C-alpha cells in the first residue's frame, strides 16, 4: 500500500524498505528537509548497517537533501525516479553524490 504522507512513509515504511546489506561501509548522517504543507525535517543515521530516524534537524549532517513533499511522495511511491528528480532540480543536496546513491540503493528512497 502506498504511503499517503511523508510522515506516514518515514514512520511506517522506511524500516521495512531498508536493505542493510547495501550499506556496508556507510557511516552517514543525512538531513532530510521536506518543504510544503506536509513537509518536515528528519535525521536519518546509517552506521554499522543499522538505520535510525528521528524527526528534527542535525547541523552536523554529512548529507542534506531538500525536496518538496509532493515530489518526495512521487519518489517513494515509484512515480518519479530519484535520478530524474535530481537532474530536473527537484532534489537539492549537499554532500557526497556517491553516498546519496547508496541511500537510494539501500531502499529508503
N, C-alpha and C. Protein backbone atom coordinates (compact mmCIF):
# COMPACT_ATOMS: atom_id res chain seq x y z
N UNK A 1 0.84 -1.19 0.00
CA UNK A 1 0.00 0.00 0.00
C UNK A 1 0.88 1.25 0.00
N UNK A 2 0.52 2.21 -0.81
CA UNK A 2 1.29 3.43 -0.89
C UNK A 2 1.05 4.29 0.36
N UNK A 3 2.11 4.93 0.80
CA UNK A 3 2.00 5.90 1.90
C UNK A 3 1.28 7.13 1.37
N UNK A 4 0.52 7.77 2.23
CA UNK A 4 -0.25 8.94 1.83
C UNK A 4 0.46 10.26 2.16
N UNK A 5 1.32 10.25 3.19
CA UNK A 5 2.03 11.46 3.59
C UNK A 5 3.50 11.12 3.83
N UNK A 6 4.38 12.12 3.74
CA UNK A 6 5.79 11.87 4.03
C UNK A 6 5.99 11.30 5.44
N UNK A 7 5.29 11.86 6.43
CA UNK A 7 5.44 11.39 7.81
C UNK A 7 5.05 9.92 7.92
N UNK A 8 3.95 9.55 7.28
CA UNK A 8 3.50 8.15 7.28
C UNK A 8 4.56 7.25 6.65
N UNK A 9 5.11 7.68 5.52
CA UNK A 9 6.13 6.87 4.85
C UNK A 9 7.35 6.71 5.75
N UNK A 10 7.83 7.81 6.30
CA UNK A 10 9.04 7.77 7.12
C UNK A 10 8.83 6.92 8.37
N UNK A 11 7.69 7.06 9.02
CA UNK A 11 7.44 6.33 10.26
C UNK A 11 7.10 4.85 10.03
N UNK A 12 6.46 4.52 8.91
CA UNK A 12 5.96 3.16 8.71
C UNK A 12 6.67 2.35 7.63
N UNK A 13 7.31 3.00 6.66
CA UNK A 13 7.82 2.27 5.51
C UNK A 13 9.34 2.21 5.41
N UNK A 14 10.04 3.21 5.92
CA UNK A 14 11.50 3.25 5.74
C UNK A 14 12.15 2.01 6.35
N UNK A 15 11.80 1.66 7.57
CA UNK A 15 12.41 0.49 8.21
C UNK A 15 12.14 -0.78 7.40
N UNK A 16 10.94 -0.91 6.84
CA UNK A 16 10.58 -2.10 6.06
C UNK A 16 11.35 -2.17 4.75
N UNK A 17 11.61 -1.02 4.13
CA UNK A 17 12.31 -0.99 2.84
C UNK A 17 13.83 -1.06 2.97
N UNK A 18 14.34 -0.74 4.14
CA UNK A 18 15.78 -0.64 4.35
C UNK A 18 16.47 -1.96 4.06
N UNK A 19 17.53 -1.91 3.25
CA UNK A 19 18.33 -3.09 2.89
C UNK A 19 19.72 -2.92 3.50
N UNK A 20 19.94 -3.42 4.72
CA UNK A 20 21.22 -3.19 5.40
C UNK A 20 22.42 -3.71 4.62
N UNK A 21 22.23 -4.76 3.84
CA UNK A 21 23.36 -5.32 3.08
C UNK A 21 23.89 -4.34 2.04
N UNK A 22 23.10 -3.36 1.67
CA UNK A 22 23.53 -2.35 0.69
C UNK A 22 24.27 -1.19 1.35
N UNK A 23 24.41 -1.21 2.67
CA UNK A 23 25.01 -0.07 3.37
C UNK A 23 26.34 -0.40 4.03
N UNK A 24 26.94 -1.52 3.66
CA UNK A 24 28.24 -1.87 4.24
C UNK A 24 29.23 -0.73 4.02
N UNK A 25 29.90 -0.31 5.07
CA UNK A 25 30.90 0.74 4.98
C UNK A 25 30.35 2.15 5.00
N UNK A 26 29.04 2.32 5.07
CA UNK A 26 28.46 3.66 5.10
C UNK A 26 28.29 4.11 6.54
N UNK A 27 28.74 5.32 6.80
CA UNK A 27 28.53 5.99 8.08
C UNK A 27 28.09 7.39 7.71
N UNK A 28 26.77 7.62 7.75
CA UNK A 28 26.24 8.89 7.27
C UNK A 28 25.16 9.41 8.22
N UNK A 29 25.14 10.71 8.34
CA UNK A 29 24.03 11.40 8.99
C UNK A 29 23.42 12.26 7.90
N UNK A 30 22.20 11.88 7.48
CA UNK A 30 21.53 12.58 6.40
C UNK A 30 20.40 13.43 6.97
N UNK A 31 20.35 14.65 6.53
CA UNK A 31 19.28 15.57 6.91
C UNK A 31 18.29 15.61 5.76
N UNK A 32 17.05 15.23 6.02
CA UNK A 32 16.00 15.27 5.00
C UNK A 32 15.06 16.42 5.34
N UNK A 33 15.02 17.41 4.46
CA UNK A 33 14.16 18.58 4.64
C UNK A 33 13.09 18.56 3.56
N UNK A 34 11.83 18.41 3.97
CA UNK A 34 10.73 18.40 3.03
C UNK A 34 9.95 19.70 3.16
N UNK A 35 9.75 20.36 2.03
CA UNK A 35 9.00 21.61 2.01
C UNK A 35 7.55 21.32 1.65
N UNK A 36 6.67 22.25 1.94
CA UNK A 36 5.26 22.09 1.60
C UNK A 36 4.41 21.83 2.84
N UNK A 37 3.11 21.79 2.64
CA UNK A 37 2.15 21.65 3.74
C UNK A 37 2.35 20.37 4.56
N UNK A 38 2.81 19.30 3.91
CA UNK A 38 3.03 18.03 4.61
C UNK A 38 4.51 17.79 4.87
N UNK A 39 5.29 18.84 4.79
CA UNK A 39 6.74 18.72 4.94
C UNK A 39 7.16 18.54 6.38
N UNK A 40 8.45 18.57 6.57
CA UNK A 40 9.04 18.42 7.89
C UNK A 40 10.52 18.12 7.74
N UNK A 41 11.17 17.90 8.85
CA UNK A 41 12.61 17.63 8.85
C UNK A 41 12.87 16.33 9.62
N UNK A 42 13.72 15.49 9.03
CA UNK A 42 14.09 14.24 9.66
C UNK A 42 15.59 14.02 9.53
N UNK A 43 16.14 13.34 10.52
CA UNK A 43 17.55 12.97 10.53
C UNK A 43 17.61 11.45 10.37
N UNK A 44 18.32 11.01 9.34
CA UNK A 44 18.48 9.58 9.08
C UNK A 44 19.95 9.25 9.31
N UNK A 45 20.20 8.35 10.26
CA UNK A 45 21.58 7.93 10.55
C UNK A 45 21.75 6.48 10.13
N UNK A 46 22.81 6.23 9.38
CA UNK A 46 23.15 4.86 8.99
C UNK A 46 24.59 4.63 9.42
N UNK A 47 24.77 3.61 10.24
CA UNK A 47 26.10 3.23 10.71
C UNK A 47 26.05 1.76 11.08
N UNK A 48 27.10 1.03 10.75
CA UNK A 48 27.19 -0.41 11.04
C UNK A 48 25.97 -1.16 10.50
N UNK A 49 25.52 -0.76 9.33
CA UNK A 49 24.39 -1.38 8.63
C UNK A 49 23.08 -1.33 9.42
N UNK A 50 22.94 -0.30 10.26
CA UNK A 50 21.71 -0.07 11.01
C UNK A 50 21.23 1.34 10.70
N UNK A 51 19.92 1.51 10.76
CA UNK A 51 19.33 2.81 10.46
C UNK A 51 18.53 3.31 11.66
N UNK A 52 18.62 4.61 11.89
CA UNK A 52 17.75 5.25 12.88
C UNK A 52 17.24 6.54 12.27
N UNK A 53 16.00 6.87 12.61
CA UNK A 53 15.36 8.06 12.06
C UNK A 53 14.68 8.80 13.20
N UNK A 54 14.97 10.10 13.26
CA UNK A 54 14.28 10.93 14.25
C UNK A 54 13.78 12.19 13.55
N UNK A 55 12.70 12.71 14.04
CA UNK A 55 12.19 13.97 13.50
C UNK A 55 13.04 15.10 14.08
N UNK A 56 13.43 16.04 13.25
CA UNK A 56 14.23 17.16 13.72
C UNK A 56 15.34 17.50 12.75
N UNK A 57 16.33 18.23 13.25
CA UNK A 57 17.45 18.67 12.41
C UNK A 57 18.77 18.33 13.08
N UNK A 58 19.78 18.16 12.25
CA UNK A 58 21.13 17.85 12.72
C UNK A 58 22.11 18.75 11.98
N UNK A 59 22.66 19.77 12.68
CA UNK A 59 23.57 20.70 12.00
C UNK A 59 24.85 20.05 11.48
N UNK A 60 25.21 18.89 12.04
CA UNK A 60 26.45 18.23 11.61
C UNK A 60 26.20 17.15 10.56
N UNK A 61 25.06 17.21 9.88
CA UNK A 61 24.74 16.21 8.85
C UNK A 61 25.82 16.20 7.77
N UNK A 62 26.15 14.99 7.29
CA UNK A 62 27.15 14.86 6.23
C UNK A 62 26.50 14.89 4.85
N UNK A 63 25.18 14.76 4.81
CA UNK A 63 24.43 14.81 3.56
C UNK A 63 23.10 15.50 3.86
N UNK A 64 22.73 16.47 3.04
CA UNK A 64 21.47 17.17 3.21
C UNK A 64 20.67 17.07 1.91
N UNK A 65 19.43 16.63 2.05
CA UNK A 65 18.53 16.53 0.90
C UNK A 65 17.33 17.43 1.15
N UNK A 66 16.97 18.21 0.14
CA UNK A 66 15.78 19.05 0.23
C UNK A 66 14.91 18.75 -0.98
N UNK A 67 13.64 18.50 -0.71
CA UNK A 67 12.70 18.17 -1.78
C UNK A 67 11.30 18.56 -1.30
N UNK A 68 10.41 18.85 -2.23
CA UNK A 68 9.04 19.18 -1.83
C UNK A 68 8.33 17.91 -1.35
N UNK A 69 7.32 18.10 -0.51
CA UNK A 69 6.58 16.95 0.00
C UNK A 69 5.95 16.14 -1.14
N UNK A 70 5.41 16.80 -2.16
CA UNK A 70 4.77 16.08 -3.26
C UNK A 70 5.78 15.32 -4.12
N UNK A 71 6.94 15.92 -4.39
CA UNK A 71 7.97 15.20 -5.15
C UNK A 71 8.52 14.03 -4.34
N UNK A 72 8.68 14.20 -3.04
CA UNK A 72 9.14 13.11 -2.18
C UNK A 72 8.17 11.93 -2.27
N UNK A 73 6.88 12.21 -2.19
CA UNK A 73 5.89 11.14 -2.26
C UNK A 73 5.92 10.46 -3.63
N UNK A 74 6.13 11.23 -4.70
CA UNK A 74 6.26 10.63 -6.03
C UNK A 74 7.47 9.71 -6.10
N UNK A 75 8.56 10.10 -5.46
CA UNK A 75 9.77 9.27 -5.46
C UNK A 75 9.53 7.98 -4.68
N UNK A 76 9.05 8.09 -3.45
CA UNK A 76 8.91 6.89 -2.61
C UNK A 76 7.81 5.96 -3.10
N UNK A 77 6.83 6.49 -3.83
CA UNK A 77 5.78 5.64 -4.39
C UNK A 77 6.08 5.22 -5.82
N UNK A 78 7.33 5.45 -6.25
CA UNK A 78 7.85 5.00 -7.55
C UNK A 78 7.15 5.63 -8.75
N UNK A 79 6.69 6.87 -8.58
CA UNK A 79 6.13 7.61 -9.71
C UNK A 79 7.13 8.59 -10.31
N UNK A 80 8.29 8.75 -9.64
CA UNK A 80 9.36 9.63 -10.10
C UNK A 80 10.67 9.02 -9.63
N UNK A 81 11.60 8.84 -10.55
CA UNK A 81 12.88 8.25 -10.15
C UNK A 81 13.72 9.30 -9.43
N UNK A 82 14.51 8.87 -8.43
CA UNK A 82 15.39 9.82 -7.74
C UNK A 82 16.35 10.51 -8.71
N UNK A 83 16.80 9.77 -9.73
CA UNK A 83 17.72 10.35 -10.71
C UNK A 83 17.06 11.47 -11.49
N UNK A 84 15.84 11.22 -11.96
CA UNK A 84 15.13 12.26 -12.72
C UNK A 84 14.85 13.47 -11.83
N UNK A 85 14.48 13.21 -10.58
CA UNK A 85 14.22 14.31 -9.64
C UNK A 85 15.48 15.15 -9.46
N UNK A 86 16.63 14.49 -9.35
CA UNK A 86 17.90 15.21 -9.17
C UNK A 86 18.23 16.03 -10.43
N UNK A 87 18.16 15.39 -11.59
CA UNK A 87 18.57 16.07 -12.82
C UNK A 87 17.61 17.15 -13.26
N UNK A 88 16.38 17.14 -12.74
CA UNK A 88 15.43 18.20 -13.08
C UNK A 88 15.35 19.24 -11.97
N UNK A 89 16.24 19.14 -10.98
CA UNK A 89 16.32 20.15 -9.93
C UNK A 89 15.27 20.01 -8.83
N UNK A 90 14.57 18.88 -8.79
CA UNK A 90 13.54 18.71 -7.76
C UNK A 90 14.13 18.29 -6.42
N UNK A 91 15.32 17.69 -6.47
CA UNK A 91 16.05 17.37 -5.24
C UNK A 91 17.29 18.25 -5.21
N UNK A 92 17.46 18.93 -4.11
CA UNK A 92 18.69 19.70 -3.90
C UNK A 92 19.45 19.00 -2.78
N UNK A 93 20.75 18.86 -2.97
CA UNK A 93 21.50 18.20 -1.91
C UNK A 93 22.89 18.78 -1.76
N UNK A 94 23.41 18.60 -0.56
CA UNK A 94 24.79 18.96 -0.25
C UNK A 94 25.43 17.70 0.30
N UNK A 95 26.64 17.44 -0.13
CA UNK A 95 27.35 16.26 0.35
C UNK A 95 27.78 15.39 -0.81
N UNK A 96 28.07 14.14 -0.51
CA UNK A 96 28.61 13.20 -1.48
C UNK A 96 27.51 12.58 -2.35
N UNK A 97 27.65 12.73 -3.66
CA UNK A 97 26.72 12.08 -4.58
C UNK A 97 26.81 10.56 -4.43
N UNK A 98 27.99 10.03 -4.22
CA UNK A 98 28.16 8.58 -4.05
C UNK A 98 27.36 8.07 -2.85
N UNK A 99 27.38 8.82 -1.76
CA UNK A 99 26.61 8.43 -0.57
C UNK A 99 25.12 8.53 -0.85
N UNK A 100 24.70 9.59 -1.55
CA UNK A 100 23.29 9.74 -1.90
C UNK A 100 22.81 8.56 -2.74
N UNK A 101 23.65 8.10 -3.66
CA UNK A 101 23.28 6.96 -4.48
C UNK A 101 23.19 5.68 -3.65
N UNK A 102 24.05 5.55 -2.66
CA UNK A 102 23.97 4.38 -1.76
C UNK A 102 22.70 4.42 -0.94
N UNK A 103 22.25 5.60 -0.55
CA UNK A 103 20.97 5.71 0.17
C UNK A 103 19.84 5.22 -0.73
N UNK A 104 19.90 5.60 -1.99
CA UNK A 104 18.89 5.12 -2.94
C UNK A 104 18.93 3.60 -3.03
N UNK A 105 20.14 3.05 -3.14
CA UNK A 105 20.29 1.59 -3.25
C UNK A 105 19.85 0.87 -2.00
N UNK A 106 19.89 1.55 -0.85
CA UNK A 106 19.52 0.91 0.42
C UNK A 106 18.01 0.76 0.55
N UNK A 107 17.25 1.32 -0.39
CA UNK A 107 15.82 1.14 -0.40
C UNK A 107 15.02 2.24 0.27
N UNK A 108 15.67 3.23 0.88
CA UNK A 108 14.90 4.21 1.61
C UNK A 108 14.37 5.34 0.72
N UNK A 109 14.90 5.47 -0.49
CA UNK A 109 14.37 6.46 -1.44
C UNK A 109 13.90 5.76 -2.69
